[in-house]
Protein backbone atom coordinates (compact mmCIF):
# COMPACT_ATOMS: atom_id res chain seq x y z
CA MET A 1 -38.99 20.74 34.06
CA ASN A 2 -40.08 18.89 37.22
CA PRO A 3 -37.53 16.70 39.09
CA LEU A 4 -39.11 13.47 37.88
CA SER A 5 -38.95 14.55 34.23
CA ARG A 6 -35.37 15.72 34.66
CA ARG A 7 -34.36 12.39 36.19
CA GLY A 8 -36.01 10.63 33.26
CA VAL A 9 -34.03 12.65 30.73
CA LEU A 10 -30.79 12.05 32.59
CA ALA A 11 -31.49 8.31 32.81
CA ALA A 12 -32.26 8.13 29.10
CA SER A 13 -29.04 10.02 28.30
CA ALA A 14 -27.01 7.69 30.48
CA PHE A 15 -28.58 4.63 28.85
CA ALA A 16 -27.81 6.02 25.36
CA ALA A 17 -24.21 6.61 26.37
CA LEU A 18 -23.84 3.05 27.63
CA ALA A 19 -25.69 1.37 24.71
CA PRO A 20 -23.42 -0.41 22.22
CA ARG A 21 -22.66 1.66 19.11
CA PRO A 22 -22.51 0.24 15.61
CA ALA A 23 -19.05 -0.96 14.61
CA HIS A 24 -19.07 1.53 11.73
CA ALA A 25 -19.77 4.63 13.86
CA PHE A 26 -17.36 7.57 13.60
CA TYR A 27 -15.44 6.02 10.68
CA PRO A 28 -12.57 6.57 10.24
CA ASP A 29 -11.71 7.13 13.88
CA ARG A 30 -7.95 6.87 13.43
CA GLY A 31 -5.26 6.96 10.74
CA LEU A 32 -5.38 4.62 7.75
CA ARG A 33 -2.66 2.78 5.90
CA MET A 34 -2.39 1.97 2.23
CA ILE A 35 -0.26 -1.04 1.41
CA VAL A 36 1.54 -0.75 -1.94
CA PRO A 37 3.13 -4.13 -2.76
CA PHE A 38 5.48 -2.58 -5.31
CA PRO A 39 8.78 -0.69 -5.01
CA PRO A 40 9.09 3.03 -4.21
CA GLY A 41 9.61 5.27 -7.21
CA GLY A 42 7.32 3.43 -9.62
CA ALA A 43 3.89 4.27 -10.99
CA ALA A 44 2.02 2.42 -8.21
CA ASP A 45 3.94 4.21 -5.47
CA PHE A 46 3.42 7.63 -7.06
CA LEU A 47 -0.27 6.95 -7.62
CA GLY A 48 -0.82 5.69 -4.09
CA ARG A 49 0.88 8.70 -2.53
CA THR A 50 -0.86 11.21 -4.79
CA VAL A 51 -4.38 9.82 -4.35
CA GLY A 52 -3.80 8.93 -0.70
CA GLU A 53 -2.75 12.48 0.14
CA GLN A 54 -5.98 13.82 -1.36
CA MET A 55 -8.13 11.17 0.35
CA THR A 56 -6.84 12.23 3.76
CA ARG A 57 -8.51 15.59 3.25
CA GLY A 58 -11.90 14.02 2.66
CA LEU A 59 -11.56 11.33 5.32
CA GLY A 60 -10.16 13.68 7.94
CA GLN A 61 -7.48 11.19 8.98
CA PRO A 62 -3.85 10.69 7.87
CA MET A 63 -2.98 7.86 5.52
CA VAL A 64 0.42 6.16 5.70
CA ILE A 65 1.81 4.48 2.57
CA GLU A 66 3.60 1.17 3.24
CA ASN A 67 5.70 -0.39 0.48
CA ARG A 68 5.67 -4.15 1.15
CA THR A 69 7.48 -5.56 -1.88
CA GLY A 70 8.42 -9.04 -3.03
CA ALA A 71 7.11 -12.15 -4.79
CA GLY A 72 5.48 -10.22 -7.61
CA GLY A 73 3.26 -8.26 -5.23
CA ASN A 74 2.19 -11.29 -3.18
CA ILE A 75 3.92 -10.32 0.08
CA GLY A 76 2.19 -6.97 0.48
CA THR A 77 -1.11 -8.37 -0.76
CA ALA A 78 -0.96 -11.12 1.86
CA VAL A 79 -0.30 -8.52 4.58
CA ALA A 80 -3.38 -6.60 3.48
CA ALA A 81 -5.50 -9.78 3.37
CA GLN A 82 -4.60 -10.56 6.99
CA ALA A 83 -5.35 -7.06 8.30
CA GLU A 84 -8.34 -6.31 10.51
CA ARG A 85 -11.47 -5.96 8.37
CA ASP A 86 -12.45 -2.53 9.63
CA GLY A 87 -11.66 -0.33 6.64
CA HIS A 88 -8.46 1.14 8.06
CA THR A 89 -6.08 -0.89 5.86
CA LEU A 90 -6.32 -0.46 2.09
CA LEU A 91 -4.46 -2.21 -0.72
CA LEU A 92 -3.33 -0.63 -3.98
CA ASN A 93 -2.91 -3.32 -6.60
CA GLY A 94 -3.24 -3.91 -10.31
CA VAL A 95 -2.40 -6.58 -12.86
CA PRO A 96 -0.78 -8.97 -10.30
CA ILE A 97 -4.00 -9.38 -8.33
CA ALA A 98 -5.60 -10.72 -11.52
CA VAL A 99 -2.73 -12.75 -12.96
CA ASN A 100 -0.68 -14.13 -10.07
CA ARG A 101 -3.09 -17.02 -9.50
CA TYR A 102 -1.85 -18.38 -12.84
CA LEU A 103 1.83 -17.79 -12.14
CA PHE A 104 2.28 -19.23 -8.65
CA ALA A 105 1.51 -22.75 -7.46
CA ALA A 106 0.04 -21.41 -4.21
CA LEU A 107 -0.86 -17.98 -2.86
CA PRO A 108 -1.35 -16.92 0.79
CA PHE A 109 -4.60 -15.18 -0.17
CA ASP A 110 -7.54 -15.55 -2.53
CA ALA A 111 -8.07 -12.40 -4.58
CA GLU A 112 -11.84 -12.85 -4.94
CA ARG A 113 -12.52 -14.20 -1.47
CA ASP A 114 -10.31 -11.77 0.46
CA PHE A 115 -10.69 -8.44 -1.35
CA ALA A 116 -13.47 -6.06 -2.34
CA PRO A 117 -12.67 -3.56 -5.11
CA ILE A 118 -13.14 0.05 -3.98
CA ALA A 119 -12.31 1.97 -7.17
CA MET A 120 -10.05 1.95 -10.17
CA LEU A 121 -7.63 4.89 -10.17
CA ALA A 122 -5.54 4.90 -13.34
CA VAL A 123 -4.42 3.16 -16.50
CA VAL A 124 -0.65 2.98 -16.82
CA PRO A 125 1.02 2.79 -20.24
CA ASN A 126 4.60 1.59 -20.30
CA ILE A 127 7.47 3.08 -22.24
CA MET A 128 9.97 0.96 -24.17
CA VAL A 129 13.46 2.08 -23.12
CA VAL A 130 16.94 0.89 -24.09
CA PRO A 131 20.50 1.86 -23.04
CA THR A 132 21.80 5.03 -24.67
CA GLU A 133 24.76 3.09 -26.07
CA LEU A 134 22.62 0.40 -27.69
CA PRO A 135 22.90 0.77 -31.48
CA ALA A 136 19.13 1.00 -31.96
CA ASN A 137 17.21 4.26 -32.23
CA SER A 138 13.83 2.86 -33.26
CA VAL A 139 11.68 -0.19 -32.60
CA ALA A 140 12.53 -1.56 -36.06
CA GLU A 141 16.26 -1.21 -35.37
CA PHE A 142 15.88 -2.93 -31.99
CA VAL A 143 13.98 -5.84 -33.56
CA ALA A 144 16.67 -6.20 -36.22
CA LEU A 145 19.39 -6.17 -33.55
CA ALA A 146 17.57 -8.75 -31.40
CA ARG A 147 17.27 -11.06 -34.40
CA ARG A 148 21.04 -11.05 -34.81
CA ARG A 149 21.94 -11.87 -31.21
CA PRO A 150 20.24 -12.88 -27.92
CA ALA A 151 18.44 -10.06 -26.13
CA THR A 152 17.17 -9.60 -22.58
CA TYR A 153 14.38 -7.53 -21.05
CA ALA A 154 14.04 -6.39 -17.46
CA SER A 155 10.99 -6.09 -15.21
CA ILE A 156 10.29 -5.60 -11.52
CA GLY A 157 8.86 -9.09 -11.10
CA ASN A 158 6.75 -11.84 -12.55
CA GLY A 159 3.22 -10.86 -13.45
CA THR A 160 3.80 -7.12 -13.37
CA SER A 161 2.67 -5.09 -16.36
CA LEU A 162 6.36 -4.61 -17.22
CA HIS A 163 6.87 -8.37 -17.46
CA LEU A 164 3.69 -8.95 -19.45
CA ALA A 165 4.45 -6.13 -21.88
CA GLY A 166 7.87 -7.66 -22.61
CA ALA A 167 6.34 -11.10 -23.10
CA GLN A 168 3.69 -9.70 -25.44
CA PHE A 169 6.34 -7.79 -27.39
CA GLY A 170 8.28 -11.01 -27.89
CA ILE A 171 5.18 -12.80 -29.17
CA ALA A 172 4.20 -9.93 -31.49
CA THR A 173 7.68 -9.65 -33.03
CA GLY A 174 8.67 -13.33 -32.94
CA LEU A 175 11.69 -12.52 -30.78
CA ASP A 176 13.00 -14.94 -28.17
CA LEU A 177 13.67 -12.45 -25.39
CA THR A 178 15.03 -13.59 -22.02
CA HIS A 179 13.23 -12.16 -19.00
CA VAL A 180 15.38 -10.77 -16.16
CA PRO A 181 13.24 -9.93 -13.10
CA TYR A 182 14.35 -7.45 -10.43
CA ARG A 183 12.96 -6.66 -7.00
CA GLU A 184 13.45 -2.91 -7.28
CA THR A 185 12.81 -0.32 -9.98
CA GLY A 186 16.11 1.41 -9.22
CA ALA A 187 18.16 -1.76 -9.71
CA ALA A 188 16.44 -2.53 -13.01
CA ASN A 189 17.00 1.00 -14.29
CA THR A 190 20.65 0.90 -13.19
CA ASP A 191 21.36 -2.31 -15.07
CA LEU A 192 19.55 -1.07 -18.15
CA MET A 193 21.58 2.14 -18.22
CA ALA A 194 24.77 0.11 -17.78
CA GLY A 195 23.83 -2.11 -20.72
CA ARG A 196 23.51 -5.28 -18.65
CA VAL A 197 19.99 -5.74 -20.04
CA ASP A 198 18.84 -4.64 -23.47
CA VAL A 199 15.32 -3.32 -23.08
CA MET A 200 12.65 -2.61 -20.51
CA PHE A 201 8.98 -1.74 -20.71
CA GLN A 202 9.19 0.62 -17.76
CA THR A 203 6.45 2.74 -16.19
CA ILE A 204 6.70 6.26 -17.51
CA SER A 205 6.91 7.81 -14.04
CA ALA A 206 9.97 5.67 -13.22
CA ALA A 207 11.74 6.36 -16.52
CA ALA A 208 10.77 9.96 -17.36
CA GLY A 209 13.63 11.74 -15.63
CA LEU A 210 16.22 9.29 -16.92
CA VAL A 211 14.97 9.57 -20.50
CA ARG A 212 14.87 13.36 -20.36
CA GLY A 213 18.32 13.36 -18.79
CA GLY A 214 19.73 11.30 -21.68
CA ARG A 215 20.55 8.28 -19.53
CA MET A 216 18.29 5.91 -21.52
CA LYS A 217 16.48 6.10 -24.85
CA ALA A 218 12.71 5.88 -25.36
CA LEU A 219 11.65 4.01 -28.49
CA ALA A 220 7.87 3.69 -28.06
CA VAL A 221 4.93 3.72 -25.66
CA THR A 222 2.62 0.74 -25.24
CA SER A 223 -0.72 2.59 -25.23
CA ALA A 224 -3.17 2.90 -28.12
CA ASP A 225 -2.51 6.64 -28.34
CA ARG A 226 0.53 8.77 -27.67
CA VAL A 227 1.08 9.87 -24.08
CA PRO A 228 1.00 13.64 -23.43
CA ALA A 229 4.08 13.42 -21.18
CA PHE A 230 6.08 12.06 -24.16
CA ALA A 231 4.14 13.31 -27.16
CA ASP A 232 7.15 12.87 -29.48
CA VAL A 233 7.48 9.14 -28.73
CA PRO A 234 5.47 6.91 -31.10
CA THR A 235 3.17 4.11 -30.03
CA LEU A 236 4.22 0.54 -30.78
CA ARG A 237 1.53 0.40 -33.45
CA GLU A 238 2.94 3.50 -35.10
CA ALA A 239 6.34 1.82 -34.93
CA GLY A 240 5.06 -1.23 -36.78
CA VAL A 241 4.25 -3.63 -33.90
CA ASP A 242 0.52 -4.38 -33.51
CA LEU A 243 0.45 -4.33 -29.73
CA VAL A 244 -1.29 -2.38 -26.97
CA SER A 245 -0.32 -3.31 -23.42
CA VAL A 246 -1.21 -1.13 -20.43
CA GLY A 247 -1.22 -1.69 -16.72
CA TRP A 248 -3.88 -0.47 -14.30
CA PHE A 249 -4.19 0.19 -10.60
CA GLY A 250 -7.00 0.50 -8.11
CA LEU A 251 -7.84 0.39 -4.43
CA PHE A 252 -9.13 -2.61 -2.49
CA ALA A 253 -10.39 -3.32 1.01
CA GLN A 254 -10.90 -6.65 2.72
CA ARG A 255 -14.13 -8.60 2.19
CA GLY A 256 -16.20 -8.14 5.32
CA VAL A 257 -15.60 -4.40 5.71
CA ALA A 258 -18.95 -2.76 6.46
CA ALA A 259 -20.84 -1.64 3.35
CA ASP A 260 -21.12 1.98 4.48
CA ARG A 261 -17.36 2.12 5.01
CA LEU A 262 -16.73 0.73 1.53
CA ALA A 263 -19.11 3.32 0.12
CA ARG A 264 -17.26 6.10 1.95
CA LEU A 265 -13.90 4.87 0.68
CA GLU A 266 -15.22 4.57 -2.87
CA ALA A 267 -16.62 8.12 -2.79
CA GLU A 268 -13.36 9.57 -1.46
CA ALA A 269 -11.18 7.60 -3.92
CA LEU A 270 -13.28 8.70 -6.90
CA ALA A 271 -13.36 12.31 -5.71
CA ALA A 272 -9.59 12.29 -5.23
CA THR A 273 -8.91 10.85 -8.69
CA ARG A 274 -11.29 13.32 -10.34
CA ASP A 275 -9.80 16.32 -8.55
CA PRO A 276 -8.30 18.52 -11.31
CA VAL A 277 -4.97 18.99 -9.53
CA VAL A 278 -4.62 15.27 -8.74
CA ALA A 279 -5.67 14.26 -12.26
CA ALA A 280 -3.10 16.66 -13.73
CA ARG A 281 -0.34 15.22 -11.52
CA ILE A 282 -1.25 11.69 -12.56
CA ALA A 283 -1.24 12.68 -16.25
CA GLU A 284 2.08 14.50 -15.92
CA SER A 285 3.61 11.32 -14.48
CA GLY A 286 2.65 9.44 -17.65
CA SER A 287 -0.39 7.58 -16.32
CA LEU A 288 -4.00 8.21 -17.34
CA PRO A 289 -6.55 8.95 -14.58
CA ARG A 290 -9.46 6.48 -14.68
CA ALA A 291 -11.99 6.91 -11.87
CA MET A 292 -14.14 3.77 -11.98
CA PRO A 293 -16.60 2.78 -9.20
CA GLY A 294 -16.09 -0.46 -7.33
CA ALA A 295 -18.82 -2.51 -9.04
CA ASP A 296 -17.55 -1.58 -12.52
CA PHE A 297 -13.98 -2.15 -11.39
CA GLY A 298 -14.91 -5.64 -10.24
CA ARG A 299 -16.33 -6.48 -13.66
CA PHE A 300 -13.21 -5.03 -15.31
CA ILE A 301 -10.98 -7.24 -13.15
CA ALA A 302 -13.02 -10.34 -14.05
CA ALA A 303 -12.50 -9.63 -17.76
CA GLU A 304 -8.80 -8.91 -17.26
CA THR A 305 -8.38 -12.15 -15.33
CA GLN A 306 -9.66 -14.15 -18.29
CA ARG A 307 -7.52 -12.21 -20.77
CA LEU A 308 -4.36 -12.58 -18.71
CA ALA A 309 -4.94 -16.30 -18.18
CA GLU A 310 -4.76 -16.76 -21.95
CA LEU A 311 -1.62 -14.61 -22.22
CA VAL A 312 0.11 -16.68 -19.52
CA ARG A 313 -0.82 -19.87 -21.35
CA VAL A 314 0.36 -18.67 -24.79
CA ALA A 315 3.56 -17.08 -23.49
CA GLY A 316 4.36 -19.97 -21.14
CA ILE A 317 4.99 -17.56 -18.27
CA ARG A 318 5.82 -19.04 -14.88
CA ALA A 319 6.98 -17.64 -11.57
CA ASP A 320 10.77 -17.94 -11.23
C-alpha cells in the first residue's frame, strides 16, 4: 500500500471512531435492574429472580432485583416510570398495573403512556388458606362458619390478585368479608397463622412451605384446574364455588426505549420463560409459565383492564 493510500485508510478509521454511534449500540453495555413493586418472598419476587437470573445469561450483563413496595405496587411502578428510557431498568408487574387506575384517585404514572409490555411470564393461581385452629376443613365448612359470625380476609394490598380473589369469593358466596390489607407477605402469613385473620387467598409460592409444615390449612386453589404443586387440593369450582381467579405477571420497559432494545428484551424474556429448567422451577412454585410476546401481552392487558374495572365497580373496592 502506498503512503497516500495508507494515510487515507487511517483517516477513514479515525473518522469512523469519532463519528457518533447510535444510542442503541452495544446494548446492554452495563448491568440492568428489575424493579419488583411487591414484597420479597411472594410469587412476583420469585418469578422476577428466577427469570432475571436466566436473562442475565442471554444478555451478558448482571440483573439486580429491587423490591420497591408500597401503595399497592404504585411506589415501585412510579420509580420505574421515572427511570432513564434506555432499556436498563425493567418493571415486573401484574394485576395492579391494570386495576390501580380504578382504585386510586391519582397515580404518579400512566400505565399506557409510560410503559411498553415486553412479555408475559406466568399465570399465578392463588390458594385459599386458613389458620390450622379454625374449625373449617373445607370451603363449605368455611362458608358456613362465616355465615354465623363476621370473617376477615388478608391480602398484601389493594388491587393485588390476593385482594381481588377475596372480593370475588365474597361476591360468589354472598359473604360479607372484611378486607385487611398488609404491606408484607410475612406479616399477613403471621397474622393468619395466629388466627388474627380468618382466610387468605395467598400465592402458592408464599404459602407452600407453611401449608406443608402444618402451620396453615389449604382449602382450595383459585385456578380452573388443579395445580400440580398441590394436586390433592380441590379447585373452588370442585368445592362448590363457581369462581376462577388468577393473577398474572409480566415484564415492562418504559415507552421510548429503542425498538431494537425492546425486541432484544422480549426475545430474552421469552427464551428464559421457555427454558425447561426455569419453567419447571416456576411450576414447582405453584405458578404456571406463560411466555407471551409483547404485542399479545398488550392486548391481554387491555382486556384485563376492562374486566377488572367491572369487578371494582360491582365489589365497591376502593384504596384504603
